């Protein structure tokens, strides 16, 4: 997978995080969260299958946001 594709997935994940944070409707947030899980799985699969390296900052941001979401719910 090319760096451009990796960037697109990362951008999609970040956009979904923002939507989840801004969403009050629980059902709508759940839909975004399911999409987020699919993108995270795809990203992980592509990284391991192609031996790509991802910026550590991305993972730190990912985990912090997941912790924030968990604490809100």
C-alpha atoms as a PDB file:
ATOM      1  CA  UNK A   1       0.000   0.000   0.000  1.00  0.00           C
ATOM      2  CA  UNK A   2       1.301   3.442  -0.845  1.00  0.00           C
ATOM      3  CA  UNK A   3       1.882   6.271   1.615  1.00  0.00           C
ATOM      4  CA  UNK A   4      -1.027   8.154   0.014  1.00  0.00           C
ATOM      5  CA  UNK A   5      -3.444   5.313   0.815  1.00  0.00           C
ATOM      6  CA  UNK A   6      -2.135   5.144   4.374  1.00  0.00           C
ATOM      7  CA  UNK A   7      -2.669   8.888   4.737  1.00  0.00           C
ATOM      8  CA  UNK A   8      -6.254   8.556   3.433  1.00  0.00           C
ATOM      9  CA  UNK A   9      -7.042   5.879   6.022  1.00  0.00           C
ATOM     10  CA  UNK A  10      -5.440   7.938   8.788  1.00  0.00           C
ATOM     11  CA  UNK A  11      -7.417  11.027   7.725  1.00  0.00           C
ATOM     12  CA  UNK A  12     -10.646   9.027   7.680  1.00  0.00           C
ATOM     13  CA  UNK A  13      -9.973   7.744  11.187  1.00  0.00           C
ATOM     14  CA  UNK A  14      -9.288  11.251  12.466  1.00  0.00           C
ATOM     15  CA  UNK A  15     -12.467  12.565  10.803  1.00  0.00           C
ATOM     16  CA  UNK A  16     -14.521   9.806  12.440  1.00  0.00           C
ATOM     17  CA  UNK A  17     -13.008  10.636  15.837  1.00  0.00           C
ATOM     18  CA  UNK A  18     -14.099  14.250  15.415  1.00  0.00           C
ATOM     19  CA  UNK A  19     -17.605  13.226  14.382  1.00  0.00           C
ATOM     20  CA  UNK A  20     -17.936  10.900  17.370  1.00  0.00           C
ATOM     21  CA  UNK A  21     -16.756  13.635  19.734  1.00  0.00           C
ATOM     22  CA  UNK A  22     -19.255  16.122  18.275  1.00  0.00           C
ATOM     23  CA  UNK A  23     -22.222  13.737  18.120  1.00  0.00           C
ATOM     24  CA  UNK A  24     -24.831  13.802  20.848  1.00  0.00           C
ATOM     25  CA  UNK A  25     -27.078  11.157  19.266  1.00  0.00           C
ATOM     26  CA  UNK A  26     -25.914   7.797  20.646  1.00  0.00           C
ATOM     27  CA  UNK A  27     -27.161   5.801  17.638  1.00  0.00           C
ATOM     28  CA  UNK A  28     -25.330   8.068  15.205  1.00  0.00           C
ATOM     29  CA  UNK A  29     -22.148   7.896  17.288  1.00  0.00           C
ATOM     30  CA  UNK A  30     -22.377   4.086  17.278  1.00  0.00           C
ATOM     31  CA  UNK A  31     -22.487   4.062  13.464  1.00  0.00           C
ATOM     32  CA  UNK A  32     -19.377   6.265  13.317  1.00  0.00           C
ATOM     33  CA  UNK A  33     -17.650   4.080  15.897  1.00  0.00           C
ATOM     34  CA  UNK A  34     -18.355   0.922  13.864  1.00  0.00           C
ATOM     35  CA  UNK A  35     -16.876   2.605  10.786  1.00  0.00           C
ATOM     36  CA  UNK A  36     -13.892   3.617  12.875  1.00  0.00           C
ATOM     37  CA  UNK A  37     -13.311   0.035  14.017  1.00  0.00           C
ATOM     38  CA  UNK A  38     -13.385  -1.175  10.397  1.00  0.00           C
ATOM     39  CA  UNK A  39     -10.850   1.460   9.342  1.00  0.00           C
ATOM     40  CA  UNK A  40      -8.568   0.634  12.263  1.00  0.00           C
ATOM     41  CA  UNK A  41      -8.675  -3.043  11.326  1.00  0.00           C
ATOM     42  CA  UNK A  42      -7.940  -2.230   7.671  1.00  0.00           C
ATOM     43  CA  UNK A  43      -5.046   0.025   8.655  1.00  0.00           C
ATOM     44  CA  UNK A  44      -3.521  -2.597  10.961  1.00  0.00           C
ATOM     45  CA  UNK A  45      -3.942  -5.311   8.339  1.00  0.00           C
ATOM     46  CA  UNK A  46      -2.266  -3.207   5.647  1.00  0.00           C
ATOM     47  CA  UNK A  47       0.598  -2.203   7.926  1.00  0.00           C
ATOM     48  CA  UNK A  48       1.433  -5.782   8.870  1.00  0.00           C
ATOM     49  CA  UNK A  49       0.898  -7.268   5.408  1.00  0.00           C
ATOM     50  CA  UNK A  50       3.073  -4.651   3.704  1.00  0.00           C
ATOM     51  CA  UNK A  51       5.583  -3.961   6.459  1.00  0.00           C
ATOM     52  CA  UNK A  52       4.736  -0.260   6.581  1.00  0.00           C
ATOM     53  CA  UNK A  53       5.856   1.972   9.403  1.00  0.00           C
ATOM     54  CA  UNK A  54       3.379   4.407  10.886  1.00  0.00           C
ATOM     55  CA  UNK A  55       4.240   7.574  12.735  1.00  0.00           C
ATOM     56  CA  UNK A  56       4.218   6.939  16.494  1.00  0.00           C
ATOM     57  CA  UNK A  57       2.329  10.206  16.985  1.00  0.00           C
ATOM     58  CA  UNK A  58      -0.612   8.728  15.087  1.00  0.00           C
ATOM     59  CA  UNK A  59      -0.848   5.794  17.504  1.00  0.00           C
ATOM     60  CA  UNK A  60      -0.541   8.026  20.557  1.00  0.00           C
ATOM     61  CA  UNK A  61      -3.352  10.222  19.223  1.00  0.00           C
ATOM     62  CA  UNK A  62      -5.433   7.149  18.450  1.00  0.00           C
ATOM     63  CA  UNK A  63      -5.113   5.708  21.960  1.00  0.00           C
ATOM     64  CA  UNK A  64      -5.714   9.022  23.720  1.00  0.00           C
ATOM     65  CA  UNK A  65      -8.895   9.563  21.731  1.00  0.00           C
ATOM     66  CA  UNK A  66     -10.094   6.022  22.428  1.00  0.00           C
ATOM     67  CA  UNK A  67      -9.500   6.564  26.146  1.00  0.00           C
ATOM     68  CA  UNK A  68     -11.418   9.864  26.021  1.00  0.00           C
ATOM     69  CA  UNK A  69     -14.332   8.193  24.232  1.00  0.00           C
ATOM     70  CA  UNK A  70     -14.391   5.326  26.716  1.00  0.00           C
ATOM     71  CA  UNK A  71     -14.439   7.713  29.673  1.00  0.00           C
ATOM     72  CA  UNK A  72     -17.336   9.705  28.182  1.00  0.00           C
ATOM     73  CA  UNK A  73     -19.485   6.595  27.779  1.00  0.00           C
END
